[in-house]
Amino acid sequence: RAVGAQFGGMLMRPLGLRANYGVRG
């Protein structure tokens, strides 16, 4: 049973008019 603090983010780039791709962590 583990509890604590975290931080993170997400970076996105356009792949087309309707599509995107990216990374998150």
PDB file of all heavy atoms in Angstrom:
ATOM      1  N   ARG A   1       0.878  -1.166   0.000  1.00  0.00           N
ATOM      2  CA  ARG A   1       0.000   0.000   0.000  1.00  0.00           C
ATOM      3  C   ARG A   1       0.918   1.220   0.000  1.00  0.00           C
ATOM      4  O   ARG A   1       1.448   1.615   1.040  1.00  0.00           O
ATOM      5  CB  ARG A   1      -0.896   0.024   1.236  1.00  0.00           C
ATOM      6  CG  ARG A   1      -1.658  -1.276   1.473  1.00  0.00           C
ATOM      7  CD  ARG A   1      -2.812  -1.452   0.499  1.00  0.00           C
ATOM      8  NE  ARG A   1      -3.635  -2.606   0.843  1.00  0.00           N
ATOM      9  CZ  ARG A   1      -3.487  -3.817   0.327  1.00  0.00           C
ATOM     10  NH1 ARG A   1      -2.528  -4.033  -0.556  1.00  0.00           N
ATOM     11  NH2 ARG A   1      -4.263  -4.826   0.680  1.00  0.00           N
ATOM     12  N   ALA A   2       1.097   1.835  -1.167  1.00  0.00           N
ATOM     13  CA  ALA A   2       2.089   2.897  -1.322  1.00  0.00           C
ATOM     14  C   ALA A   2       1.418   4.213  -1.679  1.00  0.00           C
ATOM     15  O   ALA A   2       0.548   4.263  -2.555  1.00  0.00           O
ATOM     16  CB  ALA A   2       3.106   2.516  -2.393  1.00  0.00           C
ATOM     17  N   VAL A   3       1.822   5.298  -1.016  1.00  0.00           N
ATOM     18  CA  VAL A   3       1.244   6.607  -1.274  1.00  0.00           C
ATOM     19  C   VAL A   3       2.350   7.648  -1.230  1.00  0.00           C
ATOM     20  O   VAL A   3       3.294   7.549  -0.443  1.00  0.00           O
ATOM     21  CB  VAL A   3       0.134   6.935  -0.243  1.00  0.00           C
ATOM     22  CG1 VAL A   3       0.677   6.977   1.170  1.00  0.00           C
ATOM     23  CG2 VAL A   3      -0.571   8.238  -0.605  1.00  0.00           C
ATOM     24  N   GLY A   4       2.249   8.658  -2.106  1.00  0.00           N
ATOM     25  CA  GLY A   4       3.263   9.694  -2.119  1.00  0.00           C
ATOM     26  C   GLY A   4       3.019  10.706  -3.220  1.00  0.00           C
ATOM     27  O   GLY A   4       1.955  10.759  -3.837  1.00  0.00           O
ATOM     28  N   ALA A   5       4.046  11.522  -3.468  1.00  0.00           N
ATOM     29  CA  ALA A   5       3.959  12.611  -4.434  1.00  0.00           C
ATOM     30  C   ALA A   5       4.560  12.195  -5.767  1.00  0.00           C
ATOM     31  O   ALA A   5       5.501  11.391  -5.823  1.00  0.00           O
ATOM     32  CB  ALA A   5       4.674  13.844  -3.897  1.00  0.00           C
ATOM     33  N   GLN A   6       4.021  12.758  -6.839  1.00  0.00           N
ATOM     34  CA  GLN A   6       4.562  12.509  -8.165  1.00  0.00           C
ATOM     35  C   GLN A   6       4.514  13.801  -8.983  1.00  0.00           C
ATOM     36  O   GLN A   6       3.787  14.741  -8.661  1.00  0.00           O
ATOM     37  CB  GLN A   6       3.778  11.420  -8.891  1.00  0.00           C
ATOM     38  CG  GLN A   6       2.364  11.801  -9.289  1.00  0.00           C
ATOM     39  CD  GLN A   6       1.677  10.752 -10.149  1.00  0.00           C
ATOM     40  OE1 GLN A   6       2.191   9.681 -10.400  1.00  0.00           O
ATOM     41  NE2 GLN A   6       0.484  11.073 -10.636  1.00  0.00           N
ATOM     42  N   PHE A   7       5.348  13.838 -10.020  1.00  0.00           N
ATOM     43  CA  PHE A   7       5.257  14.920 -10.993  1.00  0.00           C
ATOM     44  C   PHE A   7       5.488  14.324 -12.367  1.00  0.00           C
ATOM     45  O   PHE A   7       6.010  13.215 -12.514  1.00  0.00           O
ATOM     46  CB  PHE A   7       6.264  16.045 -10.701  1.00  0.00           C
ATOM     47  CG  PHE A   7       7.702  15.659 -10.898  1.00  0.00           C
ATOM     48  CD1 PHE A   7       8.338  15.871 -12.116  1.00  0.00           C
ATOM     49  CD2 PHE A   7       8.437  15.092  -9.862  1.00  0.00           C
ATOM     50  CE1 PHE A   7       9.663  15.524 -12.301  1.00  0.00           C
ATOM     51  CE2 PHE A   7       9.774  14.746 -10.034  1.00  0.00           C
ATOM     52  CZ  PHE A   7      10.376  14.954 -11.266  1.00  0.00           C
ATOM     53  N   GLY A   8       5.074  15.044 -13.390  1.00  0.00           N
ATOM     54  CA  GLY A   8       5.207  14.505 -14.734  1.00  0.00           C
ATOM     55  C   GLY A   8       4.788  15.508 -15.778  1.00  0.00           C
ATOM     56  O   GLY A   8       4.623  16.705 -15.499  1.00  0.00           O
ATOM     57  N   GLY A   9       4.606  15.003 -16.976  1.00  0.00           N
ATOM     58  CA  GLY A   9       4.221  15.889 -18.056  1.00  0.00           C
ATOM     59  C   GLY A   9       3.915  15.144 -19.331  1.00  0.00           C
ATOM     60  O   GLY A   9       4.039  13.918 -19.414  1.00  0.00           O
ATOM     61  N   MET A  10       3.524  15.915 -20.345  1.00  0.00           N
ATOM     62  CA  MET A  10       3.173  15.369 -21.645  1.00  0.00           C
ATOM     63  C   MET A  10       3.577  16.378 -22.708  1.00  0.00           C
ATOM     64  O   MET A  10       3.362  17.587 -22.565  1.00  0.00           O
ATOM     65  CB  MET A  10       1.667  15.085 -21.701  1.00  0.00           C
ATOM     66  CG  MET A  10       1.156  14.541 -23.010  1.00  0.00           C
ATOM     67  SD  MET A  10      -0.539  13.864 -22.860  1.00  0.00           S
ATOM     68  CE  MET A  10      -1.420  15.236 -22.116  1.00  0.00           C
ATOM     69  N   LEU A  11       4.197  15.897 -23.779  1.00  0.00           N
ATOM     70  CA  LEU A  11       4.618  16.737 -24.900  1.00  0.00           C
ATOM     71  C   LEU A  11       3.988  16.199 -26.170  1.00  0.00           C
ATOM     72  O   LEU A  11       4.079  15.000 -26.452  1.00  0.00           O
ATOM     73  CB  LEU A  11       6.140  16.737 -25.038  1.00  0.00           C
ATOM     74  CG  LEU A  11       6.715  17.458 -26.264  1.00  0.00           C
ATOM     75  CD1 LEU A  11       6.393  18.947 -26.203  1.00  0.00           C
ATOM     76  CD2 LEU A  11       8.213  17.218 -26.362  1.00  0.00           C
ATOM     77  N   MET A  12       3.347  17.068 -26.948  1.00  0.00           N
ATOM     78  CA  MET A  12       2.611  16.644 -28.141  1.00  0.00           C
ATOM     79  C   MET A  12       3.083  17.411 -29.371  1.00  0.00           C
ATOM     80  O   MET A  12       3.515  18.560 -29.273  1.00  0.00           O
ATOM     81  CB  MET A  12       1.112  16.869 -27.936  1.00  0.00           C
ATOM     82  CG  MET A  12       0.543  16.063 -26.790  1.00  0.00           C
ATOM     83  SD  MET A  12      -0.854  16.900 -26.011  1.00  0.00           S
ATOM     84  CE  MET A  12       0.004  18.216 -25.143  1.00  0.00           C
ATOM     85  N   ARG A  13       2.971  16.742 -30.518  1.00  0.00           N
ATOM     86  CA  ARG A  13       3.287  17.353 -31.806  1.00  0.00           C
ATOM     87  C   ARG A  13       2.206  16.986 -32.818  1.00  0.00           C
ATOM     88  O   ARG A  13       1.684  15.862 -32.780  1.00  0.00           O
ATOM     89  CB  ARG A  13       4.653  16.865 -32.316  1.00  0.00           C
ATOM     90  CG  ARG A  13       5.841  17.262 -31.447  1.00  0.00           C
ATOM     91  CD  ARG A  13       6.073  18.759 -31.469  1.00  0.00           C
ATOM     92  NE  ARG A  13       6.334  19.254 -32.812  1.00  0.00           N
ATOM     93  CZ  ARG A  13       7.553  19.275 -33.367  1.00  0.00           C
ATOM     94  NH1 ARG A  13       8.601  18.808 -32.697  1.00  0.00           N
ATOM     95  NH2 ARG A  13       7.712  19.749 -34.590  1.00  0.00           N
ATOM     96  N   PRO A  14       1.877  17.907 -33.752  1.00  0.00           N
ATOM     97  CA  PRO A  14       0.881  17.576 -34.779  1.00  0.00           C
ATOM     98  C   PRO A  14       1.438  16.582 -35.785  1.00  0.00           C
ATOM     99  O   PRO A  14       2.605  16.641 -36.178  1.00  0.00           O
ATOM    100  CB  PRO A  14       0.587  18.927 -35.430  1.00  0.00           C
ATOM    101  CG  PRO A  14       1.807  19.743 -35.180  1.00  0.00           C
ATOM    102  CD  PRO A  14       2.327  19.301 -33.838  1.00  0.00           C
ATOM    103  N   LEU A  15       0.595  15.655 -36.202  1.00  0.00           N
ATOM    104  CA  LEU A  15       0.953  14.656 -37.202  1.00  0.00           C
ATOM    105  C   LEU A  15       0.186  14.880 -38.500  1.00  0.00           C
ATOM    106  O   LEU A  15       0.498  14.307 -39.524  1.00  0.00           O
ATOM    107  CB  LEU A  15       0.654  13.255 -36.655  1.00  0.00           C
ATOM    108  CG  LEU A  15       1.193  12.046 -37.414  1.00  0.00           C
ATOM    109  CD1 LEU A  15       2.714  12.091 -37.493  1.00  0.00           C
ATOM    110  CD2 LEU A  15       0.747  10.751 -36.752  1.00  0.00           C
ATOM    111  N   GLY A  16      -0.796  15.726 -38.458  1.00  0.00           N
ATOM    112  CA  GLY A  16      -1.623  16.033 -39.608  1.00  0.00           C
ATOM    113  C   GLY A  16      -2.720  16.976 -39.177  1.00  0.00           C
ATOM    114  O   GLY A  16      -2.703  17.511 -38.057  1.00  0.00           O
ATOM    115  N   LEU A  17      -3.709  17.189 -40.030  1.00  0.00           N
ATOM    116  CA  LEU A  17      -4.777  18.117 -39.713  1.00  0.00           C
ATOM    117  C   LEU A  17      -5.594  17.648 -38.518  1.00  0.00           C
ATOM    118  O   LEU A  17      -6.036  18.453 -37.701  1.00  0.00           O
ATOM    119  CB  LEU A  17      -5.692  18.288 -40.934  1.00  0.00           C
ATOM    120  CG  LEU A  17      -6.858  19.281 -40.773  1.00  0.00           C
ATOM    121  CD1 LEU A  17      -6.309  20.680 -40.504  1.00  0.00           C
ATOM    122  CD2 LEU A  17      -7.742  19.260 -42.009  1.00  0.00           C
ATOM    123  N   ARG A  18      -5.755  16.336 -38.389  1.00  0.00           N
ATOM    124  CA  ARG A  18      -6.577  15.799 -37.303  1.00  0.00           C
ATOM    125  C   ARG A  18      -5.804  14.919 -36.322  1.00  0.00           C
ATOM    126  O   ARG A  18      -6.362  14.491 -35.324  1.00  0.00           O
ATOM    127  CB  ARG A  18      -7.731  14.972 -37.880  1.00  0.00           C
ATOM    128  CG  ARG A  18      -8.784  15.786 -38.617  1.00  0.00           C
ATOM    129  CD  ARG A  18      -9.846  14.872 -39.201  1.00  0.00           C
ATOM    130  NE  ARG A  18     -10.919  15.627 -39.828  1.00  0.00           N
ATOM    131  CZ  ARG A  18     -12.031  15.994 -39.229  1.00  0.00           C
ATOM    132  NH1 ARG A  18     -12.233  15.657 -37.967  1.00  0.00           N
ATOM    133  NH2 ARG A  18     -12.955  16.680 -39.872  1.00  0.00           N
ATOM    134  N   ALA A  19      -4.561  14.610 -36.597  1.00  0.00           N
ATOM    135  CA  ALA A  19      -3.814  13.641 -35.785  1.00  0.00           C
ATOM    136  C   ALA A  19      -2.677  14.305 -35.016  1.00  0.00           C
ATOM    137  O   ALA A  19      -2.149  15.344 -35.416  1.00  0.00           O
ATOM    138  CB  ALA A  19      -3.271  12.523 -36.664  1.00  0.00           C
ATOM    139  N   ASN A  20      -2.296  13.680 -33.901  1.00  0.00           N
ATOM    140  CA  ASN A  20      -1.196  14.135 -33.055  1.00  0.00           C
ATOM    141  C   ASN A  20      -0.430  12.931 -32.542  1.00  0.00           C
ATOM    142  O   ASN A  20      -0.945  11.805 -32.522  1.00  0.00           O
ATOM    143  CB  ASN A  20      -1.734  14.893 -31.836  1.00  0.00           C
ATOM    144  CG  ASN A  20      -2.741  15.954 -32.187  1.00  0.00           C
ATOM    145  OD1 ASN A  20      -2.408  17.082 -32.437  1.00  0.00           O
ATOM    146  ND2 ASN A  20      -4.026  15.567 -32.206  1.00  0.00           N
ATOM    147  N   TYR A  21       0.793  13.161 -32.095  1.00  0.00           N
ATOM    148  CA  TYR A  21       1.552  12.121 -31.410  1.00  0.00           C
ATOM    149  C   TYR A  21       2.350  12.782 -30.300  1.00  0.00           C
ATOM    150  O   TYR A  21       2.545  14.015 -30.296  1.00  0.00           O
ATOM    151  CB  TYR A  21       2.480  11.379 -32.374  1.00  0.00           C
ATOM    152  CG  TYR A  21       3.671  12.190 -32.855  1.00  0.00           C
ATOM    153  CD1 TYR A  21       4.914  12.085 -32.242  1.00  0.00           C
ATOM    154  CD2 TYR A  21       3.533  13.075 -33.928  1.00  0.00           C
ATOM    155  CE1 TYR A  21       5.999  12.830 -32.677  1.00  0.00           C
ATOM    156  CE2 TYR A  21       4.600  13.822 -34.377  1.00  0.00           C
ATOM    157  CZ  TYR A  21       5.841  13.696 -33.752  1.00  0.00           C
ATOM    158  OH  TYR A  21       6.901  14.445 -34.180  1.00  0.00           O
ATOM    159  N   GLY A  22       2.822  11.989 -29.355  1.00  0.00           N
ATOM    160  CA  GLY A  22       3.568  12.579 -28.260  1.00  0.00           C
ATOM    161  C   GLY A  22       4.073  11.559 -27.272  1.00  0.00           C
ATOM    162  O   GLY A  22       3.940  10.343 -27.460  1.00  0.00           O
ATOM    163  N   VAL A  23       4.675  12.064 -26.210  1.00  0.00           N
ATOM    164  CA  VAL A  23       5.189  11.231 -25.119  1.00  0.00           C
ATOM    165  C   VAL A  23       4.661  11.791 -23.803  1.00  0.00           C
ATOM    166  O   VAL A  23       4.352  12.979 -23.691  1.00  0.00           O
ATOM    167  CB  VAL A  23       6.731  11.205 -25.097  1.00  0.00           C
ATOM    168  CG1 VAL A  23       7.275  10.571 -26.365  1.00  0.00           C
ATOM    169  CG2 VAL A  23       7.306  12.607 -24.919  1.00  0.00           C
ATOM    170  N   ARG A  24       4.534  10.917 -22.812  1.00  0.00           N
ATOM    171  CA  ARG A  24       4.103  11.342 -21.492  1.00  0.00           C
ATOM    172  C   ARG A  24       4.824  10.516 -20.449  1.00  0.00           C
ATOM    173  O   ARG A  24       5.251   9.378 -20.704  1.00  0.00           O
ATOM    174  CB  ARG A  24       2.595  11.192 -21.342  1.00  0.00           C
ATOM    175  CG  ARG A  24       2.054   9.793 -21.586  1.00  0.00           C
ATOM    176  CD  ARG A  24       0.550   9.792 -21.681  1.00  0.00           C
ATOM    177  NE  ARG A  24       0.023   8.497 -22.125  1.00  0.00           N
ATOM    178  CZ  ARG A  24      -1.189   8.315 -22.624  1.00  0.00           C
ATOM    179  NH1 ARG A  24      -2.013   9.349 -22.734  1.00  0.00           N
ATOM    180  NH2 ARG A  24      -1.596   7.117 -23.006  1.00  0.00           N
ATOM    181  N   GLY A  25       4.960  11.065 -19.254  1.00  0.00           N
ATOM    182  CA  GLY A  25       5.650  10.335 -18.197  1.00  0.00           C
ATOM    183  C   GLY A  25       5.331  10.898 -16.824  1.00  0.00           C
ATOM    184  O   GLY A  25       4.925  12.058 -16.679  1.00  0.00           O
TER     185      GLY A  25
END
